[in-house]
Amino acid sequence: MASAPAAGAHEPVLRIVRGEPLDEELAALTAVLLARAQALPAVSATAGKAGPPARWRPAGYASPVSWR
């Protein structure tokens, strides 16, 4: 089972596989990522909550073959 990382420890989001980027290249990449993040719609506080129940069955309906 994997354990949660410590509060101060985190893995890098970006990894350089080969070569050494120049400061200008890192600045350009940062600008692109920030612009893309800004273009995404904001996540609302209710994004993870369930909506109203589906209305494909009448309220209070129970199948005759189900047991309680």
PDB file of N, CA and C in Angstrom:
ATOM      1  N   MET A   1       0.855  -1.175   0.000  1.00  0.00           N
ATOM      2  CA  MET A   1       0.000   0.000   0.000  1.00  0.00           C
ATOM      3  C   MET A   1       0.899   1.236   0.000  1.00  0.00           C
ATOM      4  N   ALA A   2       0.576   2.194  -0.824  1.00  0.00           N
ATOM      5  CA  ALA A   2       1.371   3.418  -0.942  1.00  0.00           C
ATOM      6  C   ALA A   2       0.999   4.376   0.177  1.00  0.00           C
ATOM      7  N   SER A   3       1.994   5.054   0.695  1.00  0.00           N
ATOM      8  CA  SER A   3       1.726   6.029   1.749  1.00  0.00           C
ATOM      9  C   SER A   3       1.682   7.424   1.142  1.00  0.00           C
ATOM     10  N   ALA A   4       0.990   8.307   1.811  1.00  0.00           N
ATOM     11  CA  ALA A   4       0.870   9.685   1.336  1.00  0.00           C
ATOM     12  C   ALA A   4       2.210  10.396   1.540  1.00  0.00           C
ATOM     13  N   PRO A   5       2.600  11.270   0.617  1.00  0.00           N
ATOM     14  CA  PRO A   5       3.860  11.989   0.781  1.00  0.00           C
ATOM     15  C   PRO A   5       3.785  12.965   1.943  1.00  0.00           C
ATOM     16  N   ALA A   6       4.936  13.282   2.498  1.00  0.00           N
ATOM     17  CA  ALA A   6       5.002  14.239   3.598  1.00  0.00           C
ATOM     18  C   ALA A   6       4.559  15.616   3.121  1.00  0.00           C
ATOM     19  N   ALA A   7       4.213  16.482   4.062  1.00  0.00           N
ATOM     20  CA  ALA A   7       3.682  17.802   3.723  1.00  0.00           C
ATOM     21  C   ALA A   7       4.668  18.624   2.906  1.00  0.00           C
ATOM     22  N   GLY A   8       5.958  18.557   3.213  1.00  0.00           N
ATOM     23  CA  GLY A   8       6.947  19.366   2.507  1.00  0.00           C
ATOM     24  C   GLY A   8       7.498  18.687   1.264  1.00  0.00           C
ATOM     25  N   ALA A   9       7.327  17.379   1.151  1.00  0.00           N
ATOM     26  CA  ALA A   9       7.897  16.642   0.020  1.00  0.00           C
ATOM     27  C   ALA A   9       6.873  16.530  -1.103  1.00  0.00           C
ATOM     28  N   HIS A  10       7.327  16.766  -2.326  1.00  0.00           N
ATOM     29  CA  HIS A  10       6.458  16.585  -3.489  1.00  0.00           C
ATOM     30  C   HIS A  10       7.321  16.254  -4.690  1.00  0.00           C
ATOM     31  N   GLU A  11       6.729  15.594  -5.642  1.00  0.00           N
ATOM     32  CA  GLU A  11       7.449  15.236  -6.855  1.00  0.00           C
ATOM     33  C   GLU A  11       7.340  16.379  -7.860  1.00  0.00           C
ATOM     34  N   PRO A  12       8.367  16.566  -8.681  1.00  0.00           N
ATOM     35  CA  PRO A  12       8.297  17.634  -9.685  1.00  0.00           C
ATOM     36  C   PRO A  12       7.220  17.330 -10.727  1.00  0.00           C
ATOM     37  N   VAL A  13       6.610  18.381 -11.231  1.00  0.00           N
ATOM     38  CA  VAL A  13       5.569  18.239 -12.239  1.00  0.00           C
ATOM     39  C   VAL A  13       6.189  18.041 -13.615  1.00  0.00           C
ATOM     40  N   LEU A  14       7.353  18.584 -13.818  1.00  0.00           N
ATOM     41  CA  LEU A  14       8.033  18.543 -15.105  1.00  0.00           C
ATOM     42  C   LEU A  14       9.433  17.969 -14.915  1.00  0.00           C
ATOM     43  N   ARG A  15       9.830  17.115 -15.850  1.00  0.00           N
ATOM     44  CA  ARG A  15      11.158  16.521 -15.765  1.00  0.00           C
ATOM     45  C   ARG A  15      11.866  16.707 -17.097  1.00  0.00           C
ATOM     46  N   ILE A  16      13.090  17.188 -17.071  1.00  0.00           N
ATOM     47  CA  ILE A  16      13.906  17.345 -18.272  1.00  0.00           C
ATOM     48  C   ILE A  16      14.552  15.996 -18.554  1.00  0.00           C
ATOM     49  N   VAL A  17      14.259  15.418 -19.716  1.00  0.00           N
ATOM     50  CA  VAL A  17      14.752  14.088 -20.044  1.00  0.00           C
ATOM     51  C   VAL A  17      16.139  14.154 -20.657  1.00  0.00           C
ATOM     52  N   ARG A  18      16.349  15.118 -21.515  1.00  0.00           N
ATOM     53  CA  ARG A  18      17.637  15.194 -22.203  1.00  0.00           C
ATOM     54  C   ARG A  18      17.984  16.652 -22.450  1.00  0.00           C
ATOM     55  N   GLY A  19      19.235  16.986 -22.293  1.00  0.00           N
ATOM     56  CA  GLY A  19      19.691  18.343 -22.554  1.00  0.00           C
ATOM     57  C   GLY A  19      19.492  19.253 -21.355  1.00  0.00           C
ATOM     58  N   GLU A  20      19.897  20.479 -21.533  1.00  0.00           N
ATOM     59  CA  GLU A  20      19.736  21.484 -20.491  1.00  0.00           C
ATOM     60  C   GLU A  20      19.055  22.702 -21.104  1.00  0.00           C
ATOM     61  N   PRO A  21      17.824  22.987 -20.702  1.00  0.00           N
ATOM     62  CA  PRO A  21      17.096  24.107 -21.299  1.00  0.00           C
ATOM     63  C   PRO A  21      17.702  25.448 -20.884  1.00  0.00           C
ATOM     64  N   LEU A  22      17.629  26.382 -21.795  1.00  0.00           N
ATOM     65  CA  LEU A  22      18.075  27.751 -21.513  1.00  0.00           C
ATOM     66  C   LEU A  22      17.010  28.459 -20.680  1.00  0.00           C
ATOM     67  N   ASP A  23      17.387  29.552 -20.064  1.00  0.00           N
ATOM     68  CA  ASP A  23      16.436  30.330 -19.268  1.00  0.00           C
ATOM     69  C   ASP A  23      15.264  30.816 -20.124  1.00  0.00           C
ATOM     70  N   GLU A  24      15.557  31.199 -21.375  1.00  0.00           N
ATOM     71  CA  GLU A  24      14.497  31.678 -22.271  1.00  0.00           C
ATOM     72  C   GLU A  24      13.510  30.553 -22.599  1.00  0.00           C
ATOM     73  N   GLU A  25      14.020  29.338 -22.767  1.00  0.00           N
ATOM     74  CA  GLU A  25      13.145  28.200 -23.071  1.00  0.00           C
ATOM     75  C   GLU A  25      12.249  27.870 -21.877  1.00  0.00           C
ATOM     76  N   LEU A  26      12.804  27.905 -20.690  1.00  0.00           N
ATOM     77  CA  LEU A  26      11.989  27.670 -19.497  1.00  0.00           C
ATOM     78  C   LEU A  26      10.952  28.773 -19.301  1.00  0.00           C
ATOM     79  N   ALA A  27      11.325  30.005 -19.608  1.00  0.00           N
ATOM     80  CA  ALA A  27      10.385  31.118 -19.503  1.00  0.00           C
ATOM     81  C   ALA A  27       9.245  30.962 -20.505  1.00  0.00           C
ATOM     82  N   ALA A  28       9.568  30.532 -21.727  1.00  0.00           N
ATOM     83  CA  ALA A  28       8.537  30.319 -22.746  1.00  0.00           C
ATOM     84  C   ALA A  28       7.594  29.184 -22.328  1.00  0.00           C
ATOM     85  N   LEU A  29       8.152  28.105 -21.811  1.00  0.00           N
ATOM     86  CA  LEU A  29       7.322  26.989 -21.354  1.00  0.00           C
ATOM     87  C   LEU A  29       6.422  27.415 -20.202  1.00  0.00           C
ATOM     88  N   THR A  30       6.967  28.175 -19.279  1.00  0.00           N
ATOM     89  CA  THR A  30       6.178  28.674 -18.157  1.00  0.00           C
ATOM     90  C   THR A  30       5.037  29.562 -18.641  1.00  0.00           C
ATOM     91  N   ALA A  31       5.319  30.428 -19.609  1.00  0.00           N
ATOM     92  CA  ALA A  31       4.275  31.319 -20.138  1.00  0.00           C
ATOM     93  C   ALA A  31       3.164  30.520 -20.807  1.00  0.00           C
ATOM     94  N   VAL A  32       3.528  29.486 -21.554  1.00  0.00           N
ATOM     95  CA  VAL A  32       2.519  28.655 -22.234  1.00  0.00           C
ATOM     96  C   VAL A  32       1.668  27.913 -21.204  1.00  0.00           C
ATOM     97  N   LEU A  33       2.296  27.329 -20.193  1.00  0.00           N
ATOM     98  CA  LEU A  33       1.541  26.588 -19.183  1.00  0.00           C
ATOM     99  C   LEU A  33       0.627  27.498 -18.372  1.00  0.00           C
ATOM    100  N   LEU A  34       1.102  28.690 -18.037  1.00  0.00           N
ATOM    101  CA  LEU A  34       0.251  29.625 -17.297  1.00  0.00           C
ATOM    102  C   LEU A  34      -0.918  30.120 -18.139  1.00  0.00           C
ATOM    103  N   ALA A  35      -0.674  30.381 -19.419  1.00  0.00           N
ATOM    104  CA  ALA A  35      -1.754  30.820 -20.299  1.00  0.00           C
ATOM    105  C   ALA A  35      -2.798  29.716 -20.464  1.00  0.00           C
ATOM    106  N   ARG A  36      -2.335  28.489 -20.570  1.00  0.00           N
ATOM    107  CA  ARG A  36      -3.264  27.358 -20.708  1.00  0.00           C
ATOM    108  C   ARG A  36      -4.063  27.160 -19.414  1.00  0.00           C
ATOM    109  N   ALA A  37      -3.409  27.289 -18.285  1.00  0.00           N
ATOM    110  CA  ALA A  37      -4.111  27.141 -17.007  1.00  0.00           C
ATOM    111  C   ALA A  37      -5.151  28.243 -16.825  1.00  0.00           C
ATOM    112  N   GLN A  38      -4.842  29.437 -17.283  1.00  0.00           N
ATOM    113  CA  GLN A  38      -5.781  30.544 -17.158  1.00  0.00           C
ATOM    114  C   GLN A  38      -6.982  30.367 -18.094  1.00  0.00           C
ATOM    115  N   ALA A  39      -6.792  29.687 -19.209  1.00  0.00           N
ATOM    116  CA  ALA A  39      -7.868  29.501 -20.173  1.00  0.00           C
ATOM    117  C   ALA A  39      -8.864  28.429 -19.728  1.00  0.00           C
ATOM    118  N   LEU A  40      -8.473  27.561 -18.797  1.00  0.00           N
ATOM    119  CA  LEU A  40      -9.375  26.519 -18.319  1.00  0.00           C
ATOM    120  C   LEU A  40     -10.479  27.145 -17.479  1.00  0.00           C
ATOM    121  N   PRO A  41     -11.680  26.585 -17.552  1.00  0.00           N
ATOM    122  CA  PRO A  41     -12.757  27.126 -16.720  1.00  0.00           C
ATOM    123  C   PRO A  41     -12.468  26.853 -15.248  1.00  0.00           C
ATOM    124  N   ALA A  42     -12.905  27.756 -14.411  1.00  0.00           N
ATOM    125  CA  ALA A  42     -12.686  27.611 -12.970  1.00  0.00           C
ATOM    126  C   ALA A  42     -13.528  26.455 -12.445  1.00  0.00           C
ATOM    127  N   VAL A  43     -12.977  25.705 -11.524  1.00  0.00           N
ATOM    128  CA  VAL A  43     -13.703  24.597 -10.915  1.00  0.00           C
ATOM    129  C   VAL A  43     -14.568  25.168  -9.805  1.00  0.00           C
ATOM    130  N   SER A  44     -15.842  24.878  -9.880  1.00  0.00           N
ATOM    131  CA  SER A  44     -16.752  25.406  -8.867  1.00  0.00           C
ATOM    132  C   SER A  44     -16.695  24.552  -7.604  1.00  0.00           C
ATOM    133  N   ALA A  45     -17.228  25.072  -6.526  1.00  0.00           N
ATOM    134  CA  ALA A  45     -17.222  24.357  -5.251  1.00  0.00           C
ATOM    135  C   ALA A  45     -18.129  23.137  -5.300  1.00  0.00           C
ATOM    136  N   THR A  46     -19.101  23.115  -6.206  1.00  0.00           N
ATOM    137  CA  THR A  46     -20.043  21.995  -6.281  1.00  0.00           C
ATOM    138  C   THR A  46     -19.679  21.012  -7.378  1.00  0.00           C
ATOM    139  N   ALA A  47     -18.480  21.089  -7.924  1.00  0.00           N
ATOM    140  CA  ALA A  47     -18.106  20.228  -9.045  1.00  0.00           C
ATOM    141  C   ALA A  47     -18.111  18.758  -8.679  1.00  0.00           C
ATOM    142  N   GLY A  48     -17.734  18.395  -7.467  1.00  0.00           N
ATOM    143  CA  GLY A  48     -17.659  16.997  -7.090  1.00  0.00           C
ATOM    144  C   GLY A  48     -18.929  16.455  -6.471  1.00  0.00           C
ATOM    145  N   LYS A  49     -19.924  17.288  -6.261  1.00  0.00           N
ATOM    146  CA  LYS A  49     -21.157  16.855  -5.606  1.00  0.00           C
ATOM    147  C   LYS A  49     -22.130  16.282  -6.624  1.00  0.00           C
ATOM    148  N   ALA A  50     -22.927  15.354  -6.158  1.00  0.00           N
ATOM    149  CA  ALA A  50     -23.921  14.715  -7.024  1.00  0.00           C
ATOM    150  C   ALA A  50     -25.076  15.673  -7.302  1.00  0.00           C
ATOM    151  N   GLY A  51     -25.637  15.549  -8.465  1.00  0.00           N
ATOM    152  CA  GLY A  51     -26.779  16.365  -8.841  1.00  0.00           C
ATOM    153  C   GLY A  51     -28.079  15.735  -8.372  1.00  0.00           C
ATOM    154  N   PRO A  52     -29.187  16.205  -8.895  1.00  0.00           N
ATOM    155  CA  PRO A  52     -30.470  15.627  -8.493  1.00  0.00           C
ATOM    156  C   PRO A  52     -30.580  14.181  -8.980  1.00  0.00           C
ATOM    157  N   PRO A  53     -31.410  13.384  -8.341  1.00  0.00           N
ATOM    158  CA  PRO A  53     -31.532  11.988  -8.750  1.00  0.00           C
ATOM    159  C   PRO A  53     -32.120  11.861 -10.157  1.00  0.00           C
ATOM    160  N   ALA A  54     -31.776  10.788 -10.820  1.00  0.00           N
ATOM    161  CA  ALA A  54     -32.293  10.543 -12.161  1.00  0.00           C
ATOM    162  C   ALA A  54     -33.802  10.311 -12.091  1.00  0.00           C
ATOM    163  N   ARG A  55     -34.506  10.791 -13.074  1.00  0.00           N
ATOM    164  CA  ARG A  55     -35.974  10.671 -13.085  1.00  0.00           C
ATOM    165  C   ARG A  55     -36.449   9.590 -14.047  1.00  0.00           C
ATOM    166  N   TRP A  56     -35.697   8.533 -14.205  1.00  0.00           N
ATOM    167  CA  TRP A  56     -36.119   7.477 -15.103  1.00  0.00           C
ATOM    168  C   TRP A  56     -36.995   6.452 -14.403  1.00  0.00           C
ATOM    169  N   ARG A  57     -37.203   6.595 -13.089  1.00  0.00           N
ATOM    170  CA  ARG A  57     -38.130   5.757 -12.341  1.00  0.00           C
ATOM    171  C   ARG A  57     -39.000   6.651 -11.479  1.00  0.00           C
ATOM    172  N   PRO A  58     -40.238   6.266 -11.268  1.00  0.00           N
ATOM    173  CA  PRO A  58     -41.091   7.064 -10.377  1.00  0.00           C
ATOM    174  C   PRO A  58     -40.536   7.043  -8.951  1.00  0.00           C
ATOM    175  N   ALA A  59     -40.729   8.119  -8.226  1.00  0.00           N
ATOM    176  CA  ALA A  59     -40.266   8.192  -6.844  1.00  0.00           C
ATOM    177  C   ALA A  59     -40.968   7.129  -6.016  1.00  0.00           C
ATOM    178  N   GLY A  60     -40.225   6.415  -5.203  1.00  0.00           N
ATOM    179  CA  GLY A  60     -40.805   5.389  -4.349  1.00  0.00           C
ATOM    180  C   GLY A  60     -40.974   4.037  -5.028  1.00  0.00           C
ATOM    181  N   TYR A  61     -40.560   3.916  -6.277  1.00  0.00           N
ATOM    182  CA  TYR A  61     -40.699   2.659  -7.007  1.00  0.00           C
ATOM    183  C   TYR A  61     -39.726   1.622  -6.465  1.00  0.00           C
ATOM    184  N   ALA A  62     -40.204   0.398  -6.270  1.00  0.00           N
ATOM    185  CA  ALA A  62     -39.353  -0.716  -5.884  1.00  0.00           C
ATOM    186  C   ALA A  62     -39.693  -1.884  -6.804  1.00  0.00           C
ATOM    187  N   SER A  63     -38.684  -2.521  -7.326  1.00  0.00           N
ATOM    188  CA  SER A  63     -38.898  -3.658  -8.220  1.00  0.00           C
ATOM    189  C   SER A  63     -39.585  -4.782  -7.450  1.00  0.00           C
ATOM    190  N   PRO A  64     -40.524  -5.485  -8.087  1.00  0.00           N
ATOM    191  CA  PRO A  64     -41.221  -6.578  -7.387  1.00  0.00           C
ATOM    192  C   PRO A  64     -40.279  -7.753  -7.052  1.00  0.00           C
ATOM    193  N   VAL A  65     -39.140  -7.851  -7.703  1.00  0.00           N
ATOM    194  CA  VAL A  65     -38.228  -8.954  -7.442  1.00  0.00           C
ATOM    195  C   VAL A  65     -37.098  -8.563  -6.484  1.00  0.00           C
ATOM    196  N   SER A  66     -37.069  -7.317  -6.045  1.00  0.00           N
ATOM    197  CA  SER A  66     -36.033  -6.904  -5.106  1.00  0.00           C
ATOM    198  C   SER A  66     -36.503  -7.188  -3.682  1.00  0.00           C
ATOM    199  N   TRP A  67     -35.566  -7.444  -2.806  1.00  0.00           N
ATOM    200  CA  TRP A  67     -35.919  -7.667  -1.420  1.00  0.00           C
ATOM    201  C   TRP A  67     -35.324  -6.568  -0.552  1.00  0.00           C
ATOM    202  N   ARG A  68     -35.933  -6.352   0.555  1.00  0.00           N
ATOM    203  CA  ARG A  68     -35.470  -5.308   1.470  1.00  0.00           C
ATOM    204  C   ARG A  68     -35.117  -5.916   2.787  1.00  0.00           C
TER     205      ARG A  68
END
